[in-house]
Amino acid sequence: MEINKGETAIVLVEFQKQWTEKGLFNRLIRKQLETRDVVERTRRLVKEARERGVTIIHAPLVVDTNRKKGWLAYLTFGKIFTKDTWKAELVQGLFAEGDIIARREYYNLSGFDAFYKSGLEDELKTHGIKHVFICGFATDQCPSKTLRTALRKGFEAWLVADCTATFNGFFQKNAERKHRERVVNSREFLERLGAGRSE
């Protein structure tokens, strides 16, 4: 399928230090992160895609302890993805000037995707994005649900499998299998991009 670079975005779901620095969340996905070199692979993908004119959108989760909403924010006392702490910071080496941030400020049972209570949809439409490629954590949760929501909203969306990670290989493969017609790897994405128009 031909991809117009000007109509394409990579959406980085929760590429935050809560997942990649020492702590419980990191332990949950560390094996998948390390064995598949997810962070460095994603850095390379984002850098090359950005140089080719692809829009990069960061979709972090930020929990404000003074405005907690949703069961998970209360259950964790707002101690995860906490606003103004290292836990909410973006993974080093991914953000560059000109990138877009579509921040989610609340965690809610119905909100395990990057569209929930964020400006993501508006940003995609404002920038004329039609093709959305999703990376992030944990594969079978927020990225998968973001993919389904994107499709439901009329975007052409794919999961970039080797730029995601989850709790173990079984969950990773299961998520990829569920979305098999909507899964690419970073190399395939760049190949498609190379064949597309750059209007």
C-alpha atoms as a PDB file:
ATOM      1  CA  MET A   1       0.000   0.000   0.000  1.00  0.00           C
ATOM      2  CA  GLU A   2       1.288   3.450  -0.905  1.00  0.00           C
ATOM      3  CA  ILE A   3       1.899   5.783   2.025  1.00  0.00           C
ATOM      4  CA  ASN A   4       1.971   9.551   1.679  1.00  0.00           C
ATOM      5  CA  LYS A   5       4.642  10.677   4.148  1.00  0.00           C
ATOM      6  CA  GLY A   6       2.808  13.921   4.794  1.00  0.00           C
ATOM      7  CA  GLU A   7      -0.263  11.982   5.878  1.00  0.00           C
ATOM      8  CA  THR A   8       1.598   9.553   8.140  1.00  0.00           C
ATOM      9  CA  ALA A   9       2.292   9.656  11.876  1.00  0.00           C
ATOM     10  CA  ILE A  10       4.058   7.449  14.375  1.00  0.00           C
ATOM     11  CA  VAL A  11       2.250   7.501  17.717  1.00  0.00           C
ATOM     12  CA  LEU A  12       4.415   6.577  20.715  1.00  0.00           C
ATOM     13  CA  VAL A  13       2.118   5.323  23.469  1.00  0.00           C
ATOM     14  CA  GLU A  14       3.573   5.608  26.974  1.00  0.00           C
ATOM     15  CA  PHE A  15       7.222   5.634  25.937  1.00  0.00           C
ATOM     16  CA  GLN A  16       7.936   6.918  29.443  1.00  0.00           C
ATOM     17  CA  LYS A  17      10.482   6.214  32.138  1.00  0.00           C
ATOM     18  CA  GLN A  18       7.819   4.549  34.288  1.00  0.00           C
ATOM     19  CA  TRP A  19       8.243   1.598  31.913  1.00  0.00           C
ATOM     20  CA  THR A  20      11.953   1.816  31.119  1.00  0.00           C
ATOM     21  CA  GLU A  21      13.620   2.823  34.414  1.00  0.00           C
ATOM     22  CA  LYS A  22      14.005   0.584  37.468  1.00  0.00           C
ATOM     23  CA  GLY A  23      10.768  -0.300  39.228  1.00  0.00           C
ATOM     24  CA  LEU A  24       7.769  -2.605  39.084  1.00  0.00           C
ATOM     25  CA  PHE A  25       6.553  -1.531  35.654  1.00  0.00           C
ATOM     26  CA  ASN A  26      10.001  -2.023  34.192  1.00  0.00           C
ATOM     27  CA  ARG A  27      10.302  -5.479  35.740  1.00  0.00           C
ATOM     28  CA  LEU A  28       6.996  -6.453  34.163  1.00  0.00           C
ATOM     29  CA  ILE A  29       8.231  -5.872  30.613  1.00  0.00           C
ATOM     30  CA  ARG A  30      12.023  -5.826  30.996  1.00  0.00           C
ATOM     31  CA  LYS A  31      12.674  -9.198  29.381  1.00  0.00           C
ATOM     32  CA  GLN A  32      10.752  -8.247  26.261  1.00  0.00           C
ATOM     33  CA  LEU A  33      12.333  -4.792  26.229  1.00  0.00           C
ATOM     34  CA  GLU A  34      15.860  -6.132  26.406  1.00  0.00           C
ATOM     35  CA  THR A  35      15.694  -9.298  24.304  1.00  0.00           C
ATOM     36  CA  ARG A  36      14.064  -7.439  21.423  1.00  0.00           C
ATOM     37  CA  ASP A  37      16.016  -4.179  21.925  1.00  0.00           C
ATOM     38  CA  VAL A  38      12.752  -2.251  21.755  1.00  0.00           C
ATOM     39  CA  VAL A  39      13.901   1.154  22.998  1.00  0.00           C
ATOM     40  CA  GLU A  40      16.939   1.466  20.746  1.00  0.00           C
ATOM     41  CA  ARG A  41      15.014   0.067  17.766  1.00  0.00           C
ATOM     42  CA  THR A  42      12.310   2.672  18.333  1.00  0.00           C
ATOM     43  CA  ARG A  43      14.876   5.475  18.619  1.00  0.00           C
ATOM     44  CA  ARG A  44      16.282   4.497  15.227  1.00  0.00           C
ATOM     45  CA  LEU A  45      12.831   4.216  13.663  1.00  0.00           C
ATOM     46  CA  VAL A  46      11.672   7.583  14.969  1.00  0.00           C
ATOM     47  CA  LYS A  47      14.863   9.350  13.900  1.00  0.00           C
ATOM     48  CA  GLU A  48      14.715   8.019  10.351  1.00  0.00           C
ATOM     49  CA  ALA A  49      10.970   8.545   9.996  1.00  0.00           C
ATOM     50  CA  ARG A  50      11.250  12.114  11.274  1.00  0.00           C
ATOM     51  CA  GLU A  51      14.035  12.829   8.766  1.00  0.00           C
ATOM     52  CA  ARG A  52      11.751  11.579   6.002  1.00  0.00           C
ATOM     53  CA  GLY A  53       8.969  13.962   7.010  1.00  0.00           C
ATOM     54  CA  VAL A  54       6.765  11.694   9.124  1.00  0.00           C
ATOM     55  CA  THR A  55       4.898  13.351  12.006  1.00  0.00           C
ATOM     56  CA  ILE A  56       5.934  12.064  15.440  1.00  0.00           C
ATOM     57  CA  ILE A  57       3.312  12.161  18.180  1.00  0.00           C
ATOM     58  CA  HIS A  58       4.061  11.284  21.789  1.00  0.00           C
ATOM     59  CA  ALA A  59       1.069  10.010  23.758  1.00  0.00           C
ATOM     60  CA  PRO A  60       2.177   9.882  27.399  1.00  0.00           C
ATOM     61  CA  LEU A  61       0.013   9.161  30.397  1.00  0.00           C
ATOM     62  CA  VAL A  62       0.299  11.756  33.147  1.00  0.00           C
ATOM     63  CA  VAL A  63      -1.432  11.389  36.524  1.00  0.00           C
ATOM     64  CA  ASP A  64      -1.938  14.586  38.512  1.00  0.00           C
ATOM     65  CA  THR A  65      -2.135  13.647  42.202  1.00  0.00           C
ATOM     66  CA  ASN A  66      -4.372  16.673  42.801  1.00  0.00           C
ATOM     67  CA  ARG A  67      -6.841  15.664  40.102  1.00  0.00           C
ATOM     68  CA  LYS A  68      -6.987  11.882  40.303  1.00  0.00           C
ATOM     69  CA  LYS A  69      -9.768  10.302  38.277  1.00  0.00           C
ATOM     70  CA  GLY A  70     -10.408   6.672  37.523  1.00  0.00           C
ATOM     71  CA  TRP A  71      -9.937   3.557  39.600  1.00  0.00           C
ATOM     72  CA  LEU A  72      -6.276   3.006  38.775  1.00  0.00           C
ATOM     73  CA  ALA A  73      -5.207   6.517  39.751  1.00  0.00           C
ATOM     74  CA  TYR A  74      -6.900   6.080  43.125  1.00  0.00           C
ATOM     75  CA  LEU A  75      -5.733   2.513  43.611  1.00  0.00           C
ATOM     76  CA  THR A  76      -2.106   3.569  43.104  1.00  0.00           C
ATOM     77  CA  PHE A  77      -2.517   6.859  45.031  1.00  0.00           C
ATOM     78  CA  GLY A  78      -1.358   8.648  41.894  1.00  0.00           C
ATOM     79  CA  LYS A  79       2.111   7.160  42.297  1.00  0.00           C
ATOM     80  CA  ILE A  80       2.431   5.938  38.712  1.00  0.00           C
ATOM     81  CA  PHE A  81       3.123   8.185  35.723  1.00  0.00           C
ATOM     82  CA  THR A  82       3.049  10.992  38.267  1.00  0.00           C
ATOM     83  CA  LYS A  83       3.030  14.539  36.951  1.00  0.00           C
ATOM     84  CA  ASP A  84       6.277  16.493  37.438  1.00  0.00           C
ATOM     85  CA  THR A  85       8.284  13.375  38.324  1.00  0.00           C
ATOM     86  CA  TRP A  86      10.720  11.190  36.381  1.00  0.00           C
ATOM     87  CA  LYS A  87       7.977   8.557  36.063  1.00  0.00           C
ATOM     88  CA  ALA A  88       6.044  10.673  33.574  1.00  0.00           C
ATOM     89  CA  GLU A  89       9.092  11.792  31.585  1.00  0.00           C
ATOM     90  CA  LEU A  90       9.516  10.641  27.994  1.00  0.00           C
ATOM     91  CA  VAL A  91      12.226   8.086  27.280  1.00  0.00           C
ATOM     92  CA  GLN A  92      15.454   9.865  26.453  1.00  0.00           C
ATOM     93  CA  GLY A  93      16.381  10.187  22.804  1.00  0.00           C
ATOM     94  CA  LEU A  94      12.864  10.047  21.356  1.00  0.00           C
ATOM     95  CA  PHE A  95      11.588  13.624  21.517  1.00  0.00           C
ATOM     96  CA  ALA A  96      12.775  16.330  19.157  1.00  0.00           C
ATOM     97  CA  GLU A  97      11.696  19.879  18.507  1.00  0.00           C
ATOM     98  CA  GLY A  98       8.663  19.865  16.261  1.00  0.00           C
ATOM     99  CA  ASP A  99       7.210  16.653  17.700  1.00  0.00           C
ATOM    100  CA  ILE A 100       3.668  16.731  19.056  1.00  0.00           C
ATOM    101  CA  ILE A 101       2.585  15.733  22.555  1.00  0.00           C
ATOM    102  CA  ALA A 102      -0.975  14.455  23.050  1.00  0.00           C
ATOM    103  CA  ARG A 103      -1.082  13.984  26.812  1.00  0.00           C
ATOM    104  CA  ARG A 104      -3.625  11.895  28.693  1.00  0.00           C
ATOM    105  CA  GLU A 105      -4.194  13.214  32.181  1.00  0.00           C
ATOM    106  CA  TYR A 106      -6.530  10.610  33.609  1.00  0.00           C
ATOM    107  CA  TYR A 107      -6.511   6.842  33.866  1.00  0.00           C
ATOM    108  CA  ASN A 108      -9.926   5.280  33.770  1.00  0.00           C
ATOM    109  CA  LEU A 109     -11.162   1.709  33.310  1.00  0.00           C
ATOM    110  CA  SER A 110     -12.517   2.677  29.900  1.00  0.00           C
ATOM    111  CA  GLY A 111      -9.459   4.714  29.012  1.00  0.00           C
ATOM    112  CA  PHE A 112      -6.691   2.246  28.179  1.00  0.00           C
ATOM    113  CA  ASP A 113      -5.925   3.901  24.870  1.00  0.00           C
ATOM    114  CA  ALA A 114      -4.157   7.058  23.776  1.00  0.00           C
ATOM    115  CA  PHE A 115      -7.322   8.665  22.412  1.00  0.00           C
ATOM    116  CA  TYR A 116      -9.045   8.707  25.801  1.00  0.00           C
ATOM    117  CA  LYS A 117      -9.329  12.247  27.186  1.00  0.00           C
ATOM    118  CA  SER A 118      -6.406  13.462  25.089  1.00  0.00           C
ATOM    119  CA  GLY A 119      -5.914  15.696  22.095  1.00  0.00           C
ATOM    120  CA  LEU A 120      -4.686  12.863  19.900  1.00  0.00           C
ATOM    121  CA  GLU A 121      -7.621  12.779  17.489  1.00  0.00           C
ATOM    122  CA  ASP A 122      -7.577  16.556  17.064  1.00  0.00           C
ATOM    123  CA  GLU A 123      -3.823  16.540  16.423  1.00  0.00           C
ATOM    124  CA  LEU A 124      -4.141  13.812  13.796  1.00  0.00           C
ATOM    125  CA  LYS A 125      -6.920  15.657  11.998  1.00  0.00           C
ATOM    126  CA  THR A 126      -5.228  19.056  12.266  1.00  0.00           C
ATOM    127  CA  HIS A 127      -2.081  17.668  10.626  1.00  0.00           C
ATOM    128  CA  GLY A 128      -3.987  15.793   7.924  1.00  0.00           C
ATOM    129  CA  ILE A 129      -2.898  12.375   9.161  1.00  0.00           C
ATOM    130  CA  LYS A 130      -4.538   9.328   7.595  1.00  0.00           C
ATOM    131  CA  HIS A 131      -1.973   6.595   8.332  1.00  0.00           C
ATOM    132  CA  VAL A 132      -1.148   5.899  11.994  1.00  0.00           C
ATOM    133  CA  PHE A 133       1.638   3.570  13.120  1.00  0.00           C
ATOM    134  CA  ILE A 134       1.523   2.725  16.811  1.00  0.00           C
ATOM    135  CA  CYS A 135       4.418   1.848  19.118  1.00  0.00           C
ATOM    136  CA  GLY A 136       4.436   1.509  22.898  1.00  0.00           C
ATOM    137  CA  PHE A 137       3.624  -0.354  26.088  1.00  0.00           C
ATOM    138  CA  ALA A 138       2.135  -2.719  27.033  1.00  0.00           C
ATOM    139  CA  THR A 139       1.395  -4.176  23.598  1.00  0.00           C
ATOM    140  CA  ASP A 140      -1.849  -5.970  24.407  1.00  0.00           C
ATOM    141  CA  GLN A 141      -3.192  -3.058  26.450  1.00  0.00           C
ATOM    142  CA  CYS A 142      -2.848   0.621  25.463  1.00  0.00           C
ATOM    143  CA  PRO A 143      -1.269   0.172  22.003  1.00  0.00           C
ATOM    144  CA  SER A 144      -3.791  -2.501  20.981  1.00  0.00           C
ATOM    145  CA  LYS A 145      -6.717  -0.466  22.232  1.00  0.00           C
ATOM    146  CA  THR A 146      -5.344   2.657  20.576  1.00  0.00           C
ATOM    147  CA  LEU A 147      -5.185   0.701  17.317  1.00  0.00           C
ATOM    148  CA  ARG A 148      -8.805  -0.389  17.585  1.00  0.00           C
ATOM    149  CA  THR A 149      -9.946   3.135  18.409  1.00  0.00           C
ATOM    150  CA  ALA A 150      -7.973   4.588  15.500  1.00  0.00           C
ATOM    151  CA  LEU A 151      -9.617   2.163  13.087  1.00  0.00           C
ATOM    152  CA  ARG A 152     -13.033   2.911  14.515  1.00  0.00           C
ATOM    153  CA  LYS A 153     -12.434   6.624  13.992  1.00  0.00           C
ATOM    154  CA  GLY A 154     -11.593   6.080  10.343  1.00  0.00           C
ATOM    155  CA  PHE A 155      -7.795   6.152  10.362  1.00  0.00           C
ATOM    156  CA  GLU A 156      -5.680   3.541   8.602  1.00  0.00           C
ATOM    157  CA  ALA A 157      -3.730   2.161  11.564  1.00  0.00           C
ATOM    158  CA  TRP A 158      -1.061  -0.451  12.227  1.00  0.00           C
ATOM    159  CA  LEU A 159       0.891  -1.798  15.181  1.00  0.00           C
ATOM    160  CA  VAL A 160       4.683  -1.623  14.798  1.00  0.00           C
ATOM    161  CA  ALA A 161       5.311  -4.915  16.576  1.00  0.00           C
ATOM    162  CA  ASP A 162       9.051  -4.705  17.204  1.00  0.00           C
ATOM    163  CA  CYS A 163       8.612  -1.253  18.767  1.00  0.00           C
ATOM    164  CA  THR A 164       6.241  -2.588  21.428  1.00  0.00           C
ATOM    165  CA  ALA A 165       6.667  -4.750  24.513  1.00  0.00           C
ATOM    166  CA  THR A 166       4.469  -6.447  27.059  1.00  0.00           C
ATOM    167  CA  PHE A 167       4.676  -8.869  29.983  1.00  0.00           C
ATOM    168  CA  ASN A 168       5.919 -11.953  28.148  1.00  0.00           C
ATOM    169  CA  GLY A 169       6.296 -13.543  24.751  1.00  0.00           C
ATOM    170  CA  PHE A 170       2.902 -15.238  24.899  1.00  0.00           C
ATOM    171  CA  PHE A 171       1.024 -11.951  25.375  1.00  0.00           C
ATOM    172  CA  GLN A 172       3.139 -10.304  22.689  1.00  0.00           C
ATOM    173  CA  LYS A 173       2.473 -13.003  20.111  1.00  0.00           C
ATOM    174  CA  ASN A 174      -1.185 -13.152  21.050  1.00  0.00           C
ATOM    175  CA  ALA A 175      -1.582  -9.408  20.513  1.00  0.00           C
ATOM    176  CA  GLU A 176       0.185  -9.621  17.171  1.00  0.00           C
ATOM    177  CA  ARG A 177      -1.992 -12.557  16.162  1.00  0.00           C
ATOM    178  CA  LYS A 178      -5.199 -10.693  17.034  1.00  0.00           C
ATOM    179  CA  HIS A 179      -4.181  -7.771  14.839  1.00  0.00           C
ATOM    180  CA  ARG A 180      -2.284  -9.800  12.234  1.00  0.00           C
ATOM    181  CA  GLU A 181      -3.660  -7.859   9.278  1.00  0.00           C
ATOM    182  CA  ARG A 182      -2.641  -4.636  11.007  1.00  0.00           C
ATOM    183  CA  VAL A 183       0.881  -5.537  12.142  1.00  0.00           C
ATOM    184  CA  VAL A 184       4.171  -4.433  10.589  1.00  0.00           C
ATOM    185  CA  ASN A 185       7.718  -4.270  11.872  1.00  0.00           C
ATOM    186  CA  SER A 186       9.940  -1.192  11.741  1.00  0.00           C
ATOM    187  CA  ARG A 187      11.770  -2.354   8.611  1.00  0.00           C
ATOM    188  CA  GLU A 188       8.498  -2.949   6.746  1.00  0.00           C
ATOM    189  CA  PHE A 189       7.264   0.481   7.769  1.00  0.00           C
ATOM    190  CA  LEU A 190      10.352   2.195   6.384  1.00  0.00           C
ATOM    191  CA  GLU A 191      10.098   0.175   3.171  1.00  0.00           C
ATOM    192  CA  ARG A 192       6.490   1.245   2.693  1.00  0.00           C
ATOM    193  CA  LEU A 193       7.486   4.803   3.453  1.00  0.00           C
ATOM    194  CA  GLY A 194      10.221   4.647   0.860  1.00  0.00           C
ATOM    195  CA  ALA A 195       7.665   3.766  -1.795  1.00  0.00           C
ATOM    196  CA  GLY A 196       5.205   6.438  -0.770  1.00  0.00           C
ATOM    197  CA  ARG A 197       4.744  10.011  -1.930  1.00  0.00           C
ATOM    198  CA  SER A 198       6.287  12.927  -0.050  1.00  0.00           C
ATOM    199  CA  GLU A 199       3.795  15.653  -0.811  1.00  0.00           C
END
